[in-house]
Amino acid sequence: MFALESKQGIKMLEQLHKKRQKVNSLVENRVHFAGDDVELSIYDTYENAEHIRLFSNNVLFCGMLTGKKVMHVESCDYHHAFLPNESFVLAPEQAVHIDFPTACINQPTTCLAIDISKDKIASVAEQLNQLEKCSDPQFNYMPELVHNEHNSQTQQLLMRLMHLFCENTPQRDFYIDLALNELVARLLQQQSRDLLFKQVAKYELTTGIHAAVEYMQRNLDEQLDVDELCKIACMSRSKFFDQFKKRIGTTPQNWLNGQRMMSARKRLERGESVTSIAFTLGFNHPSQLSRGFKKTFKQTPKQYQTQFLQTKTD
């Protein structure tokens, strides 16, 4: 079974590659596929270009595959690099202008864009809120820019969607809809978490989980003390873990580890040494940081720092 699926997958990728080989434009050459409530496009750019406009009437979920873009969203004065393993989500009718500083014939800049209907977003939000059985809905789409690093599950989901759109089977649309539901759910959950973190940053500590998160953010260098967090949140141990998982999407320890890795990455980008960062963030030895960083970002801290500084100068 696996061998057959593997052969089919290879064949689909070969067909997709052939379509992308038909270059009609050196800038944002587009191959696209349509489905119910969704359209998937793959854009390849083969030369340096600036201020290329991208716009949609629907939610546009973008994932970088190769290369580098610089995104300019004038409506919110946003000007930042867009790199592989990151998500960039535009609200309906929100335009972005794109620069392609590293694109060339031999190394094109490639991006996946998924155009998702407003009805699909609303439908998934309603289903999530029904599952939560909460009088105050936690999952409502907020029409604003989202740009963050996504996890390996989201990256795999984007690749799965790309493969599904290439299929030609009776179940194609059914499986596309399942994958699309998951992608939208991840977007809504991310927005819900982002809102919570914004409230924490403004000290709008409306729940016990807000207070616990704020405490953990202030004490990234300390070992996790669950009993202390339960006191801060005014919850029993079981309720704290349950509420934290619902609101944040993971366990307190996993979240704390993730925050340490994100802090380490920012410090590496500023040119700090691995040893200094490790002890600042409470690791017993730099090797602990290196192992965790490689597990999270698939490269060592030094490799990331070198690559980032090189990309910054390109």
Protein backbone atom coordinates (compact mmCIF):
# COMPACT_ATOMS: atom_id res chain seq x y z
CA MET A 1 0.00 0.00 0.00
CA PHE A 2 2.74 2.43 0.93
CA ALA A 3 4.65 1.63 -2.27
CA LEU A 4 1.56 2.38 -4.39
CA GLU A 5 0.90 5.65 -2.55
CA SER A 6 4.56 6.59 -2.92
CA LYS A 7 4.49 5.95 -6.68
CA GLN A 8 1.27 7.95 -7.01
CA GLY A 9 2.81 10.77 -4.98
CA ILE A 10 5.91 10.83 -7.16
CA LYS A 11 3.76 10.85 -10.31
CA MET A 12 1.68 13.76 -8.99
CA LEU A 13 4.78 15.76 -8.13
CA GLU A 14 6.18 15.10 -11.59
CA GLN A 15 2.94 16.37 -13.17
CA LEU A 16 3.03 19.45 -10.96
CA HIS A 17 6.67 20.05 -11.88
CA LYS A 18 5.80 19.90 -15.59
CA LYS A 19 3.06 22.50 -15.11
CA ARG A 20 5.46 24.79 -13.28
CA GLN A 21 8.03 24.36 -16.05
CA LYS A 22 5.69 26.19 -18.45
CA VAL A 23 6.91 29.67 -17.55
CA ASN A 24 4.68 32.47 -18.84
CA SER A 25 6.11 35.13 -16.55
CA LEU A 26 9.43 35.49 -14.74
CA VAL A 27 7.63 37.22 -11.85
CA GLU A 28 4.92 35.35 -9.93
CA ASN A 29 4.44 32.67 -12.59
CA ARG A 30 1.23 31.00 -11.39
CA VAL A 31 -0.07 27.43 -11.41
CA HIS A 32 -3.48 27.11 -9.76
CA PHE A 33 -6.11 24.54 -8.80
CA ALA A 34 -9.73 25.12 -7.74
CA GLY A 35 -11.96 23.33 -5.23
CA ASP A 36 -15.11 24.04 -3.22
CA ASP A 37 -14.61 27.16 -1.05
CA VAL A 38 -10.89 27.23 -1.89
CA GLU A 39 -8.29 27.87 -4.57
CA LEU A 40 -4.63 26.88 -4.32
CA SER A 41 -1.91 28.67 -6.28
CA ILE A 42 1.83 28.11 -6.56
CA TYR A 43 3.86 31.19 -7.49
CA ASP A 44 7.42 30.97 -8.85
CA THR A 45 9.54 34.10 -9.36
CA TYR A 46 12.76 33.85 -11.39
CA GLU A 47 14.19 37.37 -11.22
CA ASN A 48 14.66 40.23 -8.78
CA ALA A 49 11.48 42.32 -8.56
CA GLU A 50 9.92 44.94 -6.31
CA HIS A 51 6.49 46.17 -5.28
CA ILE A 52 4.45 43.35 -6.86
CA ARG A 53 0.84 43.56 -5.67
CA LEU A 54 -1.14 40.61 -4.29
CA PHE A 55 -4.81 40.95 -3.34
CA SER A 56 -7.87 38.78 -2.68
CA ASN A 57 -11.49 39.29 -1.70
CA ASN A 58 -11.15 36.28 0.61
CA VAL A 59 -8.74 35.18 3.34
CA LEU A 60 -5.37 34.42 1.71
CA PHE A 61 -3.14 31.93 3.54
CA CYS A 62 0.43 31.98 2.19
CA GLY A 63 3.30 29.62 2.97
CA MET A 64 6.86 30.11 1.71
CA LEU A 65 8.52 27.09 0.10
CA THR A 66 11.87 28.48 -1.10
CA GLY A 67 13.66 31.83 -1.20
CA LYS A 68 12.81 35.10 0.48
CA LYS A 69 10.17 37.79 0.09
CA VAL A 70 9.83 41.16 1.77
CA MET A 71 6.18 41.95 2.48
CA HIS A 72 4.82 45.51 2.61
CA VAL A 73 1.29 46.00 3.94
CA GLU A 74 0.63 49.73 3.88
CA SER A 75 -2.69 49.52 5.75
CA CYS A 76 -0.86 48.53 8.95
CA ASP A 77 2.64 49.89 8.17
CA TYR A 78 4.09 46.37 8.03
CA HIS A 79 7.45 45.73 6.31
CA HIS A 80 9.11 42.38 7.06
CA ALA A 81 10.88 39.42 5.45
CA PHE A 82 8.82 36.29 4.67
CA LEU A 83 10.81 33.04 4.83
CA PRO A 84 10.21 29.27 4.50
CA ASN A 85 8.29 27.59 7.35
CA GLU A 86 6.37 30.80 8.01
CA SER A 87 2.69 31.61 7.53
CA PHE A 88 1.52 34.94 6.14
CA VAL A 89 -2.26 35.44 6.22
CA LEU A 90 -3.97 38.42 4.61
CA ALA A 91 -7.45 39.53 5.63
CA PRO A 92 -10.09 39.89 2.88
CA GLU A 93 -9.41 42.91 0.64
CA GLN A 94 -6.06 43.59 2.34
CA ALA A 95 -3.39 44.23 -0.28
CA VAL A 96 0.29 43.39 0.06
CA HIS A 97 3.20 44.59 -2.10
CA ILE A 98 6.08 42.15 -2.41
CA ASP A 99 9.83 42.46 -3.08
CA PHE A 100 11.89 39.49 -4.33
CA PRO A 101 15.50 40.31 -3.35
CA THR A 102 17.03 36.84 -3.94
CA ALA A 103 15.01 35.40 -6.85
CA CYS A 104 16.94 34.15 -9.89
CA ILE A 105 16.60 31.60 -12.69
CA ASN A 106 18.58 28.89 -10.89
CA GLN A 107 17.01 29.53 -7.47
CA PRO A 108 13.43 30.79 -7.87
CA THR A 109 11.41 32.13 -4.97
CA THR A 110 8.37 29.87 -4.52
CA CYS A 111 5.24 30.48 -2.47
CA LEU A 112 2.02 28.56 -1.87
CA ALA A 113 -1.17 30.69 -1.62
CA ILE A 114 -4.53 29.30 -0.49
CA ASP A 115 -7.60 31.48 -1.12
CA ILE A 116 -10.27 30.51 1.46
CA SER A 117 -13.90 31.66 1.27
CA LYS A 118 -15.42 33.67 4.12
CA ASP A 119 -18.22 31.10 4.45
CA LYS A 120 -15.69 28.33 5.12
CA ILE A 121 -13.98 30.44 7.82
CA ALA A 122 -17.32 31.16 9.52
CA SER A 123 -18.39 27.50 9.34
CA VAL A 124 -15.20 26.20 10.99
CA ALA A 125 -15.35 28.90 13.70
CA GLU A 126 -18.92 27.87 14.53
CA GLN A 127 -17.92 24.19 14.77
CA LEU A 128 -14.98 24.98 17.07
CA ASN A 129 -17.14 27.06 19.40
CA GLN A 130 -19.75 24.29 19.57
CA LEU A 131 -17.03 21.83 20.56
CA GLU A 132 -15.88 24.16 23.36
CA LYS A 133 -19.48 24.48 24.68
CA CYS A 134 -18.57 27.93 25.95
CA SER A 135 -21.05 30.80 26.43
CA ASP A 136 -18.35 33.25 25.35
CA PRO A 137 -17.12 32.11 21.89
CA GLN A 138 -13.32 31.81 21.85
CA PHE A 139 -12.93 31.30 18.10
CA ASN A 140 -13.93 34.20 15.88
CA TYR A 141 -11.99 35.19 12.79
CA MET A 142 -10.30 38.57 13.22
CA PRO A 143 -9.71 40.29 9.84
CA GLU A 144 -6.10 41.25 10.46
CA LEU A 145 -2.64 40.35 9.25
CA VAL A 146 -1.05 37.19 10.65
CA HIS A 147 2.67 36.49 10.17
CA ASN A 148 4.41 33.90 12.27
CA GLU A 149 6.49 30.76 12.15
CA HIS A 150 4.29 27.70 11.84
CA ASN A 151 5.01 24.26 13.25
CA SER A 152 5.86 21.08 11.38
CA GLN A 153 2.21 19.93 11.44
CA THR A 154 1.09 23.04 9.55
CA GLN A 155 3.94 22.66 7.06
CA GLN A 156 2.95 19.04 6.44
CA LEU A 157 -0.68 20.12 6.07
CA LEU A 158 0.23 22.66 3.38
CA MET A 159 2.18 20.03 1.47
CA ARG A 160 -0.71 17.58 1.82
CA LEU A 161 -3.12 20.13 0.38
CA MET A 162 -0.79 20.69 -2.55
CA HIS A 163 -0.70 16.94 -3.24
CA LEU A 164 -4.49 16.59 -2.87
CA PHE A 165 -5.17 19.30 -5.43
CA CYS A 166 -3.02 17.35 -7.90
CA GLU A 167 -5.09 14.19 -7.45
CA ASN A 168 -7.76 13.04 -9.88
CA THR A 169 -9.93 10.72 -7.77
CA PRO A 170 -13.64 10.72 -6.76
CA GLN A 171 -12.64 11.46 -3.14
CA ARG A 172 -10.42 14.43 -4.01
CA ASP A 173 -12.80 17.21 -2.91
CA PHE A 174 -13.74 15.33 0.25
CA TYR A 175 -10.13 15.07 1.41
CA ILE A 176 -9.40 18.66 0.39
CA ASP A 177 -12.29 19.81 2.57
CA LEU A 178 -10.97 17.84 5.56
CA ALA A 179 -7.50 19.33 5.18
CA LEU A 180 -8.92 22.82 4.65
CA ASN A 181 -10.99 22.53 7.83
CA GLU A 182 -7.82 21.67 9.73
CA LEU A 183 -5.90 24.59 8.22
CA VAL A 184 -8.66 27.07 9.10
CA ALA A 185 -8.94 25.62 12.61
CA ARG A 186 -5.20 26.14 13.12
CA LEU A 187 -5.53 29.75 11.93
CA LEU A 188 -8.41 30.45 14.33
CA GLN A 189 -6.61 28.79 17.23
CA GLN A 190 -3.49 30.84 16.47
CA GLN A 191 -5.53 34.06 16.45
CA SER A 192 -7.15 33.10 19.76
CA ARG A 193 -3.71 32.53 21.31
CA ASP A 194 -2.35 35.76 19.80
CA LEU A 195 -5.23 37.70 21.35
CA LEU A 196 -4.52 36.15 24.75
CA PHE A 197 -0.82 37.07 24.50
CA LYS A 198 -1.70 40.65 23.47
CA GLN A 199 -3.93 40.93 26.52
CA VAL A 200 -1.11 39.62 28.70
CA ALA A 201 1.29 42.19 27.19
CA LYS A 202 -1.15 44.96 28.14
CA TYR A 203 -1.63 43.42 31.61
CA GLU A 204 -5.30 42.74 30.84
CA LEU A 205 -5.21 39.65 33.06
CA THR A 206 -8.88 38.67 32.82
CA THR A 207 -8.44 34.95 33.62
CA GLY A 208 -6.20 32.72 35.68
CA ILE A 209 -4.54 31.45 32.50
CA HIS A 210 -3.67 35.05 31.54
CA ALA A 211 -1.97 35.49 34.93
CA ALA A 212 -0.08 32.19 34.65
CA VAL A 213 1.16 33.00 31.14
CA GLU A 214 2.30 36.46 32.23
CA TYR A 215 4.26 34.90 35.12
CA MET A 216 5.90 32.34 32.83
CA GLN A 217 6.89 35.01 30.31
CA ARG A 218 8.57 37.04 33.05
CA ASN A 219 10.47 34.00 34.31
CA LEU A 220 11.71 32.14 31.23
CA ASP A 221 14.98 31.35 33.02
CA GLU A 222 13.26 29.45 35.86
CA GLN A 223 12.25 25.78 36.02
CA LEU A 224 8.52 25.15 35.66
CA ASP A 225 6.77 25.14 39.05
CA VAL A 226 3.27 23.79 38.38
CA ASP A 227 2.12 24.24 41.99
CA GLU A 228 3.05 27.94 41.85
CA LEU A 229 1.24 28.35 38.52
CA CYS A 230 -1.88 26.70 39.95
CA LYS A 231 -1.84 29.17 42.84
CA ILE A 232 -1.46 32.10 40.45
CA ALA A 233 -4.30 30.81 38.25
CA CYS A 234 -6.45 29.93 41.31
CA MET A 235 -7.14 26.48 39.86
CA SER A 236 -6.67 22.88 40.82
CA ARG A 237 -3.86 21.03 39.06
CA SER A 238 -6.20 19.09 36.74
CA LYS A 239 -8.28 22.17 35.85
CA PHE A 240 -5.15 24.23 35.19
CA PHE A 241 -3.73 21.68 32.73
CA ASP A 242 -7.12 21.34 31.03
CA GLN A 243 -7.68 25.10 30.66
CA PHE A 244 -4.10 25.76 29.58
CA LYS A 245 -4.32 23.11 26.84
CA LYS A 246 -7.64 24.54 25.60
CA ARG A 247 -6.45 28.15 25.48
CA ILE A 248 -2.81 27.71 24.45
CA GLY A 249 -3.01 24.46 22.49
CA THR A 250 -0.21 22.63 24.31
CA THR A 251 1.11 21.78 27.79
CA PRO A 252 2.72 24.42 30.06
CA GLN A 253 6.15 22.74 29.73
CA ASN A 254 5.97 22.54 25.94
CA TRP A 255 4.85 26.16 25.74
CA LEU A 256 7.65 27.30 28.06
CA ASN A 257 10.21 25.39 25.98
CA GLY A 258 8.83 26.99 22.82
CA GLN A 259 9.07 30.46 24.33
CA ARG A 260 12.67 29.83 25.32
CA MET A 261 13.47 28.73 21.76
CA MET A 262 11.78 31.82 20.30
CA SER A 263 13.71 34.04 22.72
CA ALA A 264 16.94 32.23 21.81
CA ARG A 265 16.27 32.79 18.11
CA LYS A 266 15.75 36.54 18.60
CA ARG A 267 18.95 36.77 20.62
CA LEU A 268 20.88 34.87 17.93
CA GLU A 269 19.57 37.36 15.37
CA ARG A 270 21.05 40.14 17.50
CA GLY A 271 24.44 38.40 17.37
CA GLU A 272 24.60 37.07 20.95
CA SER A 273 26.71 33.97 21.62
CA VAL A 274 25.16 30.55 22.15
CA THR A 275 26.77 30.22 25.59
CA SER A 276 25.48 33.58 26.78
CA ILE A 277 21.96 32.83 25.56
CA ALA A 278 21.92 29.39 27.18
CA PHE A 279 22.72 30.68 30.66
CA THR A 280 20.46 33.73 30.30
CA LEU A 281 17.50 31.44 29.55
CA GLY A 282 18.21 29.07 32.43
CA PHE A 283 19.83 26.13 30.63
CA ASN A 284 22.43 24.18 32.61
CA HIS A 285 24.71 23.85 29.58
CA PRO A 286 24.84 25.29 26.03
CA SER A 287 24.39 21.76 24.65
CA GLN A 288 20.89 21.68 26.17
CA LEU A 289 19.96 24.79 24.21
CA SER A 290 21.56 23.40 21.04
CA ARG A 291 19.58 20.14 21.24
CA GLY A 292 16.28 21.92 21.86
CA PHE A 293 16.95 24.51 19.16
CA LYS A 294 17.80 21.88 16.55
CA LYS A 295 14.68 19.88 17.43
CA THR A 296 12.54 23.01 17.03
CA PHE A 297 14.14 24.70 14.01
CA LYS A 298 15.91 21.74 12.32
CA GLN A 299 19.34 23.40 12.55
CA THR A 300 21.85 24.27 15.25
CA PRO A 301 21.87 27.74 16.83
CA LYS A 302 25.15 28.57 15.09
CA GLN A 303 23.83 27.42 11.71
CA TYR A 304 20.72 29.54 12.16
CA GLN A 305 22.69 32.60 13.23
CA THR A 306 25.08 32.32 10.28
CA GLN A 307 22.23 31.83 7.80
CA PHE A 308 20.18 34.69 9.24
CA LEU A 309 23.03 37.17 9.18
CA GLN A 310 23.90 36.11 5.62
CA THR A 311 20.26 36.49 4.46
CA LYS A 312 20.07 39.88 6.12
CA THR A 313 22.97 41.15 4.02
CA ASP A 314 21.66 39.71 0.71
